[in-house]
Amino acid sequence: MFLTADTFDDLLRLVLKEICSHGRSIEPKKGKASEVFGVLLELRNPRARLSRTESRGKIFSGLGELCWYLAGTNSLAFIEYYAKEYAKYADGDVVYGGYGPRIFGAAQNNQVHRVLSLLREHSVTRQAVIQIFDRVDLLEEHKDVPCTCTLQFAIRDECLHLLTNMRSNDWFLGLPHDVFAFTMLQEMLARALDIELGTYKHCVGSLHLYEVNEQAAQDFLSEGWQSTESPMPPMPAGDPWKGIDQLRRAEEKLRLNSALTELDFDGVDPYWADLIRLLLVFHCKKNSDVHTMRQARKDMVSKIYDPFIEKIAVEMGS
């Protein structure tokens, strides 16, 4: 099965209709589900990675999860700040299957840097693969085992394309977060290589919807067609790692409940500054800080994030 679309909302809708129409009933450990097996999804514009719907617009938890990966950690305390449901899948104070140490890890285990080196040395290499799922993951019992097997980057027609291979993917929670994080990583590498962003392909063995989330899926469909004419703005040209480091430092301060100052935005490109402000808005929600939330909202450069911030403002009674 091959499904392709320009925007993530269009892709979500196509996938859900296939699951509802042709899904087969399965009952894995996490509960009853409807499944289609062996699916290739294509997002032709990876910057259109955000759902604009009320139910699947996951910019805050998606951005938090991305920062978790970038930090190279599998700490439960870190990701629980953004997504409390991770506590169900933790072994003590860590999430065994967390992607951060597997993708970035220590210097000698940083697969991203190795992939960049391979692509710089030979632009059409077929070896630029990041491995996430590992054979040792099945040697003993863990509450969480990686759903993502590999990320394969390829330069074709002077664009960086990404093919993700998943053993399993949940339409309701996993798919929105995975597509967001992996297309962001794809764009980071494209910028580091100084080439254009290509297409994103997402190959899944078991693509499913759990029975417990069926009503939420119907609510998504009932929202109707969503305009996605405004994808996320392009990441700034040039090496992205300075901006990534600035984002990571600001994220850590907020998560550890330290206030941001003007220095945290000094010299930060507007693209990365907006992502920091989104994390600040989320922090304000958790701390009921309406005043700071309003100022962060006012300072946003891009208007495409307005619907997400507006939802937070309404929840805070602002």
C-alpha atoms as a PDB file:
ATOM      1  CA  MET A   1       0.000   0.000   0.000  1.00  0.00           C
ATOM      2  CA  PHE A   2       1.374   3.415  -1.008  1.00  0.00           C
ATOM      3  CA  LEU A   3      -0.174   6.674   0.209  1.00  0.00           C
ATOM      4  CA  THR A   4       1.197  10.084  -0.753  1.00  0.00           C
ATOM      5  CA  ALA A   5       0.217  13.675   0.058  1.00  0.00           C
ATOM      6  CA  ASP A   6       1.611  17.184   0.158  1.00  0.00           C
ATOM      7  CA  THR A   7       0.666  17.821   3.787  1.00  0.00           C
ATOM      8  CA  PHE A   8       0.620  15.801   6.980  1.00  0.00           C
ATOM      9  CA  ASP A   9      -3.091  16.375   7.597  1.00  0.00           C
ATOM     10  CA  ASP A  10      -3.900  14.996   4.145  1.00  0.00           C
ATOM     11  CA  LEU A  11      -1.665  12.000   4.862  1.00  0.00           C
ATOM     12  CA  LEU A  12      -3.257  11.411   8.284  1.00  0.00           C
ATOM     13  CA  ARG A  13      -6.686  11.397   6.707  1.00  0.00           C
ATOM     14  CA  LEU A  14      -5.674   8.947   3.971  1.00  0.00           C
ATOM     15  CA  VAL A  15      -4.116   6.599   6.515  1.00  0.00           C
ATOM     16  CA  LEU A  16      -7.102   6.679   8.838  1.00  0.00           C
ATOM     17  CA  LYS A  17      -9.535   5.945   6.024  1.00  0.00           C
ATOM     18  CA  GLU A  18      -7.444   2.925   5.001  1.00  0.00           C
ATOM     19  CA  ILE A  19      -7.364   1.603   8.581  1.00  0.00           C
ATOM     20  CA  CYS A  20     -11.106   2.102   8.998  1.00  0.00           C
ATOM     21  CA  SER A  21     -11.914   0.521   5.625  1.00  0.00           C
ATOM     22  CA  HIS A  22      -9.386  -2.292   5.389  1.00  0.00           C
ATOM     23  CA  GLY A  23      -7.918  -2.759   8.868  1.00  0.00           C
ATOM     24  CA  ARG A  24      -7.812  -6.248  10.382  1.00  0.00           C
ATOM     25  CA  SER A  25      -8.418  -6.842  14.070  1.00  0.00           C
ATOM     26  CA  ILE A  26      -5.376  -7.712  16.196  1.00  0.00           C
ATOM     27  CA  GLU A  27      -4.852  -7.902  19.952  1.00  0.00           C
ATOM     28  CA  PRO A  28      -1.236  -7.070  20.917  1.00  0.00           C
ATOM     29  CA  LYS A  29      -0.065  -6.451  24.500  1.00  0.00           C
ATOM     30  CA  LYS A  30      -1.284  -2.846  24.545  1.00  0.00           C
ATOM     31  CA  GLY A  31      -4.871  -3.719  23.657  1.00  0.00           C
ATOM     32  CA  LYS A  32      -7.189  -4.394  20.727  1.00  0.00           C
ATOM     33  CA  ALA A  33      -6.389  -2.573  17.509  1.00  0.00           C
ATOM     34  CA  SER A  34      -7.210  -2.369  13.823  1.00  0.00           C
ATOM     35  CA  GLU A  35      -4.178  -2.874  11.573  1.00  0.00           C
ATOM     36  CA  VAL A  36      -3.014  -2.521   8.000  1.00  0.00           C
ATOM     37  CA  PHE A  37       0.295  -4.270   7.349  1.00  0.00           C
ATOM     38  CA  GLY A  38       3.055  -3.158   4.998  1.00  0.00           C
ATOM     39  CA  VAL A  39       2.440   0.528   4.220  1.00  0.00           C
ATOM     40  CA  LEU A  40       4.598   3.183   2.545  1.00  0.00           C
ATOM     41  CA  LEU A  41       3.672   6.790   3.257  1.00  0.00           C
ATOM     42  CA  GLU A  42       5.140   9.780   1.442  1.00  0.00           C
ATOM     43  CA  LEU A  43       5.071  13.391   2.613  1.00  0.00           C
ATOM     44  CA  ARG A  44       6.021  15.401  -0.441  1.00  0.00           C
ATOM     45  CA  ASN A  45       6.589  18.601   1.554  1.00  0.00           C
ATOM     46  CA  PRO A  46       8.304  17.639   4.825  1.00  0.00           C
ATOM     47  CA  ARG A  47       7.866  21.176   6.220  1.00  0.00           C
ATOM     48  CA  ALA A  48       4.098  20.585   6.184  1.00  0.00           C
ATOM     49  CA  ARG A  49       4.777  18.289   9.150  1.00  0.00           C
ATOM     50  CA  LEU A  50       2.236  19.766  11.553  1.00  0.00           C
ATOM     51  CA  SER A  51      -1.397  18.794  11.806  1.00  0.00           C
ATOM     52  CA  ARG A  52      -3.568  21.908  11.977  1.00  0.00           C
ATOM     53  CA  THR A  53      -6.408  20.054  13.685  1.00  0.00           C
ATOM     54  CA  GLU A  54      -7.540  20.421  17.276  1.00  0.00           C
ATOM     55  CA  SER A  55      -6.878  16.783  18.104  1.00  0.00           C
ATOM     56  CA  ARG A  56      -3.631  15.965  16.244  1.00  0.00           C
ATOM     57  CA  GLY A  57      -1.789  19.303  16.389  1.00  0.00           C
ATOM     58  CA  LYS A  58       1.139  18.167  18.570  1.00  0.00           C
ATOM     59  CA  ILE A  59       3.664  21.020  18.263  1.00  0.00           C
ATOM     60  CA  PHE A  60       4.456  21.267  21.997  1.00  0.00           C
ATOM     61  CA  SER A  61       4.921  17.583  22.828  1.00  0.00           C
ATOM     62  CA  GLY A  62       6.507  17.004  19.419  1.00  0.00           C
ATOM     63  CA  LEU A  63       9.052  19.752  20.000  1.00  0.00           C
ATOM     64  CA  GLY A  64       9.718  18.477  23.521  1.00  0.00           C
ATOM     65  CA  GLU A  65      10.301  14.962  22.222  1.00  0.00           C
ATOM     66  CA  LEU A  66      12.653  16.293  19.546  1.00  0.00           C
ATOM     67  CA  CYS A  67      14.684  18.098  22.228  1.00  0.00           C
ATOM     68  CA  TRP A  68      14.789  14.838  24.194  1.00  0.00           C
ATOM     69  CA  TYR A  69      16.368  13.143  21.189  1.00  0.00           C
ATOM     70  CA  LEU A  70      18.792  16.001  20.558  1.00  0.00           C
ATOM     71  CA  ALA A  71      19.981  15.821  24.172  1.00  0.00           C
ATOM     72  CA  GLY A  72      21.040  12.199  23.604  1.00  0.00           C
ATOM     73  CA  THR A  73      19.231  11.011  26.726  1.00  0.00           C
ATOM     74  CA  ASN A  74      16.545   8.470  27.615  1.00  0.00           C
ATOM     75  CA  SER A  75      15.699  10.109  30.954  1.00  0.00           C
ATOM     76  CA  LEU A  76      12.078   9.598  31.996  1.00  0.00           C
ATOM     77  CA  ALA A  77      12.008  12.871  33.952  1.00  0.00           C
ATOM     78  CA  PHE A  78      12.947  14.772  30.793  1.00  0.00           C
ATOM     79  CA  ILE A  79      10.250  13.412  28.483  1.00  0.00           C
ATOM     80  CA  GLU A  80       7.599  13.121  31.216  1.00  0.00           C
ATOM     81  CA  TYR A  81       7.662  16.917  31.434  1.00  0.00           C
ATOM     82  CA  TYR A  82       6.125  16.942  27.931  1.00  0.00           C
ATOM     83  CA  ALA A  83       4.326  13.584  27.773  1.00  0.00           C
ATOM     84  CA  LYS A  84       3.287  11.919  31.028  1.00  0.00           C
ATOM     85  CA  GLU A  85       2.218   8.722  29.283  1.00  0.00           C
ATOM     86  CA  TYR A  86       5.885   7.750  28.910  1.00  0.00           C
ATOM     87  CA  ALA A  87       5.866   6.754  32.598  1.00  0.00           C
ATOM     88  CA  LYS A  88       3.949   3.608  31.622  1.00  0.00           C
ATOM     89  CA  TYR A  89       6.851   2.484  29.451  1.00  0.00           C
ATOM     90  CA  ALA A  90       9.796   3.290  31.710  1.00  0.00           C
ATOM     91  CA  ASP A  91      12.219   0.872  33.339  1.00  0.00           C
ATOM     92  CA  GLY A  92      12.825   2.781  36.552  1.00  0.00           C
ATOM     93  CA  ASP A  93      13.951   6.320  35.738  1.00  0.00           C
ATOM     94  CA  VAL A  94      14.802   5.668  32.088  1.00  0.00           C
ATOM     95  CA  VAL A  95      12.887   4.801  28.940  1.00  0.00           C
ATOM     96  CA  TYR A  96      14.939   1.904  27.618  1.00  0.00           C
ATOM     97  CA  GLY A  97      13.816   2.401  24.014  1.00  0.00           C
ATOM     98  CA  GLY A  98      14.476   6.168  24.002  1.00  0.00           C
ATOM     99  CA  TYR A  99      15.963   7.257  20.683  1.00  0.00           C
ATOM    100  CA  GLY A 100      18.347   9.961  21.937  1.00  0.00           C
ATOM    101  CA  PRO A 101      21.292   7.767  22.996  1.00  0.00           C
ATOM    102  CA  ARG A 102      20.785   5.570  19.942  1.00  0.00           C
ATOM    103  CA  ILE A 103      20.854   8.434  17.410  1.00  0.00           C
ATOM    104  CA  PHE A 104      23.269  10.871  19.048  1.00  0.00           C
ATOM    105  CA  GLY A 105      24.884   9.137  22.013  1.00  0.00           C
ATOM    106  CA  ALA A 106      28.495   9.735  23.021  1.00  0.00           C
ATOM    107  CA  ALA A 107      30.988  11.048  20.467  1.00  0.00           C
ATOM    108  CA  GLN A 108      31.999   7.620  19.185  1.00  0.00           C
ATOM    109  CA  ASN A 109      28.350   6.542  18.933  1.00  0.00           C
ATOM    110  CA  ASN A 110      26.954   9.690  17.302  1.00  0.00           C
ATOM    111  CA  GLN A 111      25.348   8.239  14.203  1.00  0.00           C
ATOM    112  CA  VAL A 112      24.260  11.646  12.888  1.00  0.00           C
ATOM    113  CA  HIS A 113      27.848  12.852  12.544  1.00  0.00           C
ATOM    114  CA  ARG A 114      28.839   9.594  10.869  1.00  0.00           C
ATOM    115  CA  VAL A 115      25.988   9.895   8.355  1.00  0.00           C
ATOM    116  CA  LEU A 116      26.979  13.479   7.558  1.00  0.00           C
ATOM    117  CA  SER A 117      30.569  12.369   6.961  1.00  0.00           C
ATOM    118  CA  LEU A 118      29.444   9.595   4.610  1.00  0.00           C
ATOM    119  CA  LEU A 119      27.228  11.946   2.599  1.00  0.00           C
ATOM    120  CA  ARG A 120      29.997  14.540   2.332  1.00  0.00           C
ATOM    121  CA  GLU A 121      32.517  11.941   1.201  1.00  0.00           C
ATOM    122  CA  HIS A 122      30.276  10.333  -1.416  1.00  0.00           C
ATOM    123  CA  SER A 123      27.032  12.121  -2.173  1.00  0.00           C
ATOM    124  CA  VAL A 124      25.194   9.108  -3.628  1.00  0.00           C
ATOM    125  CA  THR A 125      26.158   6.688  -0.867  1.00  0.00           C
ATOM    126  CA  ARG A 126      23.561   4.131   0.143  1.00  0.00           C
ATOM    127  CA  GLN A 127      25.186   3.566   3.528  1.00  0.00           C
ATOM    128  CA  ALA A 128      23.925   6.715   5.271  1.00  0.00           C
ATOM    129  CA  VAL A 129      21.770   4.736   7.678  1.00  0.00           C
ATOM    130  CA  ILE A 130      21.018   5.384  11.347  1.00  0.00           C
ATOM    131  CA  GLN A 131      20.068   2.194  13.198  1.00  0.00           C
ATOM    132  CA  ILE A 132      17.678   2.518  16.139  1.00  0.00           C
ATOM    133  CA  PHE A 133      16.138  -0.921  16.768  1.00  0.00           C
ATOM    134  CA  ASP A 134      18.872  -3.425  17.664  1.00  0.00           C
ATOM    135  CA  ARG A 135      18.946  -7.221  17.996  1.00  0.00           C
ATOM    136  CA  VAL A 136      19.814  -6.911  21.709  1.00  0.00           C
ATOM    137  CA  ASP A 137      16.445  -5.233  22.290  1.00  0.00           C
ATOM    138  CA  LEU A 138      14.828  -8.687  22.128  1.00  0.00           C
ATOM    139  CA  LEU A 139      17.248 -10.503  24.413  1.00  0.00           C
ATOM    140  CA  GLU A 140      15.447  -9.452  27.596  1.00  0.00           C
ATOM    141  CA  GLU A 141      12.089  -7.982  28.569  1.00  0.00           C
ATOM    142  CA  HIS A 142      11.618  -4.193  28.532  1.00  0.00           C
ATOM    143  CA  LYS A 143       8.510  -2.053  28.826  1.00  0.00           C
ATOM    144  CA  ASP A 144       9.528  -0.081  25.739  1.00  0.00           C
ATOM    145  CA  VAL A 145      11.337  -1.344  22.640  1.00  0.00           C
ATOM    146  CA  PRO A 146      12.004   1.035  19.709  1.00  0.00           C
ATOM    147  CA  CYS A 147       9.344   1.065  17.021  1.00  0.00           C
ATOM    148  CA  THR A 148      11.742   2.689  14.540  1.00  0.00           C
ATOM    149  CA  CYS A 149      14.266   0.385  12.895  1.00  0.00           C
ATOM    150  CA  THR A 150      16.303   2.656  10.609  1.00  0.00           C
ATOM    151  CA  LEU A 151      16.546   6.132   9.121  1.00  0.00           C
ATOM    152  CA  GLN A 152      18.133   6.102   5.655  1.00  0.00           C
ATOM    153  CA  PHE A 153      19.296   9.423   4.199  1.00  0.00           C
ATOM    154  CA  ALA A 154      20.010   9.773   0.490  1.00  0.00           C
ATOM    155  CA  ILE A 155      21.054  12.654  -1.737  1.00  0.00           C
ATOM    156  CA  ARG A 156      19.324  12.469  -5.094  1.00  0.00           C
ATOM    157  CA  ASP A 157      18.847  15.337  -7.559  1.00  0.00           C
ATOM    158  CA  GLU A 158      20.733  17.610  -5.128  1.00  0.00           C
ATOM    159  CA  CYS A 159      18.070  17.121  -2.434  1.00  0.00           C
ATOM    160  CA  LEU A 160      18.239  15.193   0.854  1.00  0.00           C
ATOM    161  CA  HIS A 161      15.574  12.494   1.054  1.00  0.00           C
ATOM    162  CA  LEU A 162      14.750  10.368   4.097  1.00  0.00           C
ATOM    163  CA  LEU A 163      13.273   6.882   4.276  1.00  0.00           C
ATOM    164  CA  THR A 164      12.184   5.772   7.764  1.00  0.00           C
ATOM    165  CA  ASN A 165      11.533   2.093   8.446  1.00  0.00           C
ATOM    166  CA  MET A 166       9.180   1.258  11.318  1.00  0.00           C
ATOM    167  CA  ARG A 167       8.315  -2.177  12.662  1.00  0.00           C
ATOM    168  CA  SER A 168       5.155  -0.703  14.236  1.00  0.00           C
ATOM    169  CA  ASN A 169       3.359   2.658  14.333  1.00  0.00           C
ATOM    170  CA  ASP A 170       0.290   3.907  16.184  1.00  0.00           C
ATOM    171  CA  TRP A 171      -1.798   6.332  14.094  1.00  0.00           C
ATOM    172  CA  PHE A 172      -3.112   8.205  17.147  1.00  0.00           C
ATOM    173  CA  LEU A 173       0.063   9.110  19.091  1.00  0.00           C
ATOM    174  CA  GLY A 174       3.145   7.734  17.393  1.00  0.00           C
ATOM    175  CA  LEU A 175       2.694   8.863  13.795  1.00  0.00           C
ATOM    176  CA  PRO A 176       2.305  12.643  14.446  1.00  0.00           C
ATOM    177  CA  HIS A 177       5.341  12.716  16.754  1.00  0.00           C
ATOM    178  CA  ASP A 178       7.527  10.501  14.561  1.00  0.00           C
ATOM    179  CA  VAL A 179       6.904  12.431  11.354  1.00  0.00           C
ATOM    180  CA  PHE A 180       7.561  15.732  13.134  1.00  0.00           C
ATOM    181  CA  ALA A 181      10.838  14.625  14.732  1.00  0.00           C
ATOM    182  CA  PHE A 182      12.243  12.777  11.742  1.00  0.00           C
ATOM    183  CA  THR A 183      11.451  15.480   9.183  1.00  0.00           C
ATOM    184  CA  MET A 184      13.019  18.049  11.502  1.00  0.00           C
ATOM    185  CA  LEU A 185      16.144  15.871  11.675  1.00  0.00           C
ATOM    186  CA  GLN A 186      16.043  15.537   7.889  1.00  0.00           C
ATOM    187  CA  GLU A 187      15.965  19.316   7.500  1.00  0.00           C
ATOM    188  CA  MET A 188      18.796  19.751  10.028  1.00  0.00           C
ATOM    189  CA  LEU A 189      21.007  17.421   8.003  1.00  0.00           C
ATOM    190  CA  ALA A 190      20.014  19.086   4.739  1.00  0.00           C
ATOM    191  CA  ARG A 191      21.097  22.432   6.155  1.00  0.00           C
ATOM    192  CA  ALA A 192      24.351  20.960   7.482  1.00  0.00           C
ATOM    193  CA  LEU A 193      25.031  19.623   3.971  1.00  0.00           C
ATOM    194  CA  ASP A 194      23.931  22.891   2.319  1.00  0.00           C
ATOM    195  CA  ILE A 195      21.426  21.197   0.020  1.00  0.00           C
ATOM    196  CA  GLU A 196      17.687  21.387  -0.474  1.00  0.00           C
ATOM    197  CA  LEU A 197      15.120  19.323   1.422  1.00  0.00           C
ATOM    198  CA  GLY A 198      13.718  16.364  -0.522  1.00  0.00           C
ATOM    199  CA  THR A 199      10.729  14.141   0.188  1.00  0.00           C
ATOM    200  CA  TYR A 200      10.018  12.118   3.305  1.00  0.00           C
ATOM    201  CA  LYS A 201       9.002   8.459   3.113  1.00  0.00           C
ATOM    202  CA  HIS A 202       7.706   6.464   6.097  1.00  0.00           C
ATOM    203  CA  CYS A 203       7.568   2.680   5.742  1.00  0.00           C
ATOM    204  CA  VAL A 204       5.589   0.779   8.390  1.00  0.00           C
ATOM    205  CA  GLY A 205       5.102  -2.922   9.085  1.00  0.00           C
ATOM    206  CA  SER A 206       2.133  -2.709  11.458  1.00  0.00           C
ATOM    207  CA  LEU A 207       0.255   0.580  11.086  1.00  0.00           C
ATOM    208  CA  HIS A 208      -2.629   0.508  13.525  1.00  0.00           C
ATOM    209  CA  LEU A 209      -5.279   2.311  15.541  1.00  0.00           C
ATOM    210  CA  TYR A 210      -6.033   1.099  19.057  1.00  0.00           C
ATOM    211  CA  GLU A 211      -9.678   0.491  19.872  1.00  0.00           C
ATOM    212  CA  VAL A 212      -9.459   2.865  22.834  1.00  0.00           C
ATOM    213  CA  ASN A 213      -8.645   5.722  20.421  1.00  0.00           C
ATOM    214  CA  GLU A 214     -11.326   5.047  17.823  1.00  0.00           C
ATOM    215  CA  GLN A 215     -13.608   7.854  19.028  1.00  0.00           C
ATOM    216  CA  ALA A 216     -10.725  10.339  18.946  1.00  0.00           C
ATOM    217  CA  ALA A 217     -10.028   9.228  15.378  1.00  0.00           C
ATOM    218  CA  GLN A 218     -13.626   9.894  14.414  1.00  0.00           C
ATOM    219  CA  ASP A 219     -13.397  13.301  16.080  1.00  0.00           C
ATOM    220  CA  PHE A 220     -10.393  14.023  13.858  1.00  0.00           C
ATOM    221  CA  LEU A 221     -12.368  13.140  10.748  1.00  0.00           C
ATOM    222  CA  SER A 222     -15.323  15.243  11.911  1.00  0.00           C
ATOM    223  CA  GLU A 223     -13.130  18.349  12.060  1.00  0.00           C
ATOM    224  CA  GLY A 224     -13.178  18.316   8.268  1.00  0.00           C
ATOM    225  CA  TRP A 225     -10.506  19.489   5.852  1.00  0.00           C
ATOM    226  CA  GLN A 226      -7.814  21.664   7.368  1.00  0.00           C
ATOM    227  CA  SER A 227      -5.886  24.324   5.490  1.00  0.00           C
ATOM    228  CA  THR A 228      -2.177  23.552   5.488  1.00  0.00           C
ATOM    229  CA  GLU A 229      -1.108  26.199   3.012  1.00  0.00           C
ATOM    230  CA  SER A 230       1.391  27.515   5.558  1.00  0.00           C
ATOM    231  CA  PRO A 231       3.959  24.843   6.452  1.00  0.00           C
ATOM    232  CA  MET A 232       6.683  25.558   8.971  1.00  0.00           C
ATOM    233  CA  PRO A 233       9.110  28.173   7.655  1.00  0.00           C
ATOM    234  CA  PRO A 234      12.393  26.938   6.178  1.00  0.00           C
ATOM    235  CA  MET A 235      15.193  26.317   8.638  1.00  0.00           C
ATOM    236  CA  PRO A 236      17.847  29.050   8.294  1.00  0.00           C
ATOM    237  CA  ALA A 237      20.558  28.416   5.718  1.00  0.00           C
ATOM    238  CA  GLY A 238      23.958  27.355   7.000  1.00  0.00           C
ATOM    239  CA  ASP A 239      25.128  25.109   9.801  1.00  0.00           C
ATOM    240  CA  PRO A 240      22.143  24.422  12.104  1.00  0.00           C
ATOM    241  CA  TRP A 241      24.047  23.264  15.196  1.00  0.00           C
ATOM    242  CA  LYS A 242      24.426  26.703  16.764  1.00  0.00           C
ATOM    243  CA  GLY A 243      20.660  27.207  16.645  1.00  0.00           C
ATOM    244  CA  ILE A 244      20.086  23.677  17.923  1.00  0.00           C
ATOM    245  CA  ASP A 245      22.406  24.299  20.875  1.00  0.00           C
ATOM    246  CA  GLN A 246      20.601  27.568  21.671  1.00  0.00           C
ATOM    247  CA  LEU A 247      17.272  25.738  21.575  1.00  0.00           C
ATOM    248  CA  ARG A 248      18.578  22.965  23.814  1.00  0.00           C
ATOM    249  CA  ARG A 249      19.982  25.374  26.422  1.00  0.00           C
ATOM    250  CA  ALA A 250      16.720  27.317  26.609  1.00  0.00           C
ATOM    251  CA  GLU A 251      14.692  24.107  26.801  1.00  0.00           C
ATOM    252  CA  GLU A 252      16.756  22.846  29.733  1.00  0.00           C
ATOM    253  CA  LYS A 253      16.327  26.103  31.641  1.00  0.00           C
ATOM    254  CA  LEU A 254      12.551  26.023  31.204  1.00  0.00           C
ATOM    255  CA  ARG A 255      12.222  22.347  32.075  1.00  0.00           C
ATOM    256  CA  LEU A 256      14.243  22.918  35.250  1.00  0.00           C
ATOM    257  CA  ASN A 257      11.996  25.899  36.045  1.00  0.00           C
ATOM    258  CA  SER A 258      14.511  28.694  35.450  1.00  0.00           C
ATOM    259  CA  ALA A 259      13.325  31.924  33.866  1.00  0.00           C
ATOM    260  CA  LEU A 260      14.526  32.919  30.419  1.00  0.00           C
ATOM    261  CA  THR A 261      16.154  36.330  29.983  1.00  0.00           C
ATOM    262  CA  GLU A 262      16.939  38.523  26.996  1.00  0.00           C
ATOM    263  CA  LEU A 263      20.341  36.829  26.829  1.00  0.00           C
ATOM    264  CA  ASP A 264      18.643  33.561  25.913  1.00  0.00           C
ATOM    265  CA  PHE A 265      17.437  35.242  22.705  1.00  0.00           C
ATOM    266  CA  ASP A 266      20.571  37.289  22.022  1.00  0.00           C
ATOM    267  CA  GLY A 267      21.923  36.395  18.591  1.00  0.00           C
ATOM    268  CA  VAL A 268      19.307  33.682  18.053  1.00  0.00           C
ATOM    269  CA  ASP A 269      17.870  33.447  14.549  1.00  0.00           C
ATOM    270  CA  PRO A 270      14.098  34.188  14.487  1.00  0.00           C
ATOM    271  CA  TYR A 271      13.369  30.600  13.393  1.00  0.00           C
ATOM    272  CA  TRP A 272      14.999  29.114  16.498  1.00  0.00           C
ATOM    273  CA  ALA A 273      13.743  31.952  18.713  1.00  0.00           C
ATOM    274  CA  ASP A 274      10.162  31.068  17.761  1.00  0.00           C
ATOM    275  CA  LEU A 275      10.736  27.434  18.743  1.00  0.00           C
ATOM    276  CA  ILE A 276      12.116  28.622  22.087  1.00  0.00           C
ATOM    277  CA  ARG A 277       9.011  30.769  22.563  1.00  0.00           C
ATOM    278  CA  LEU A 278       6.795  27.765  21.864  1.00  0.00           C
ATOM    279  CA  LEU A 279       8.564  25.911  24.674  1.00  0.00           C
ATOM    280  CA  LEU A 280       8.087  29.013  26.820  1.00  0.00           C
ATOM    281  CA  VAL A 281       4.341  29.023  26.091  1.00  0.00           C
ATOM    282  CA  PHE A 282       4.159  25.372  27.165  1.00  0.00           C
ATOM    283  CA  HIS A 283       6.114  26.228  30.335  1.00  0.00           C
ATOM    284  CA  CYS A 284       3.679  29.073  31.045  1.00  0.00           C
ATOM    285  CA  LYS A 285       0.737  26.712  30.733  1.00  0.00           C
ATOM    286  CA  LYS A 286       2.259  24.317  33.252  1.00  0.00           C
ATOM    287  CA  ASN A 287       2.913  27.213  35.649  1.00  0.00           C
ATOM    288  CA  SER A 288      -0.278  29.217  34.981  1.00  0.00           C
ATOM    289  CA  ASP A 289       1.814  32.223  33.946  1.00  0.00           C
ATOM    290  CA  VAL A 290      -0.597  34.185  31.740  1.00  0.00           C
ATOM    291  CA  HIS A 291       1.493  37.370  31.627  1.00  0.00           C
ATOM    292  CA  THR A 292       4.637  35.700  30.240  1.00  0.00           C
ATOM    293  CA  MET A 293       2.561  33.624  27.840  1.00  0.00           C
ATOM    294  CA  ARG A 294       0.990  36.771  26.383  1.00  0.00           C
ATOM    295  CA  GLN A 295       4.395  38.389  25.906  1.00  0.00           C
ATOM    296  CA  ALA A 296       5.815  35.270  24.232  1.00  0.00           C
ATOM    297  CA  ARG A 297       2.807  35.194  21.945  1.00  0.00           C
ATOM    298  CA  LYS A 298       3.315  38.854  21.051  1.00  0.00           C
ATOM    299  CA  ASP A 299       7.014  38.292  20.279  1.00  0.00           C
ATOM    300  CA  MET A 300       6.461  35.388  17.854  1.00  0.00           C
ATOM    301  CA  VAL A 301       7.824  36.133  14.387  1.00  0.00           C
ATOM    302  CA  SER A 302       5.987  33.468  12.373  1.00  0.00           C
ATOM    303  CA  LYS A 303       2.199  33.499  12.464  1.00  0.00           C
ATOM    304  CA  ILE A 304       1.781  29.850  11.509  1.00  0.00           C
ATOM    305  CA  TYR A 305       2.040  28.840  15.170  1.00  0.00           C
ATOM    306  CA  ASP A 306      -0.849  31.135  16.187  1.00  0.00           C
ATOM    307  CA  PRO A 307      -3.536  28.385  16.267  1.00  0.00           C
ATOM    308  CA  PHE A 308      -1.453  26.275  18.666  1.00  0.00           C
ATOM    309  CA  ILE A 309      -0.767  29.212  20.977  1.00  0.00           C
ATOM    310  CA  GLU A 310      -4.394  30.321  20.781  1.00  0.00           C
ATOM    311  CA  LYS A 311      -5.486  26.901  22.016  1.00  0.00           C
ATOM    312  CA  ILE A 312      -3.166  27.245  25.037  1.00  0.00           C
ATOM    313  CA  ALA A 313      -4.435  30.794  25.661  1.00  0.00           C
ATOM    314  CA  VAL A 314      -8.049  29.579  25.684  1.00  0.00           C
ATOM    315  CA  GLU A 315      -7.163  26.762  28.079  1.00  0.00           C
ATOM    316  CA  MET A 316      -5.520  29.335  30.376  1.00  0.00           C
ATOM    317  CA  GLY A 317      -8.562  31.628  30.167  1.00  0.00           C
ATOM    318  CA  SER A 318      -6.611  34.372  28.425  1.00  0.00           C
END
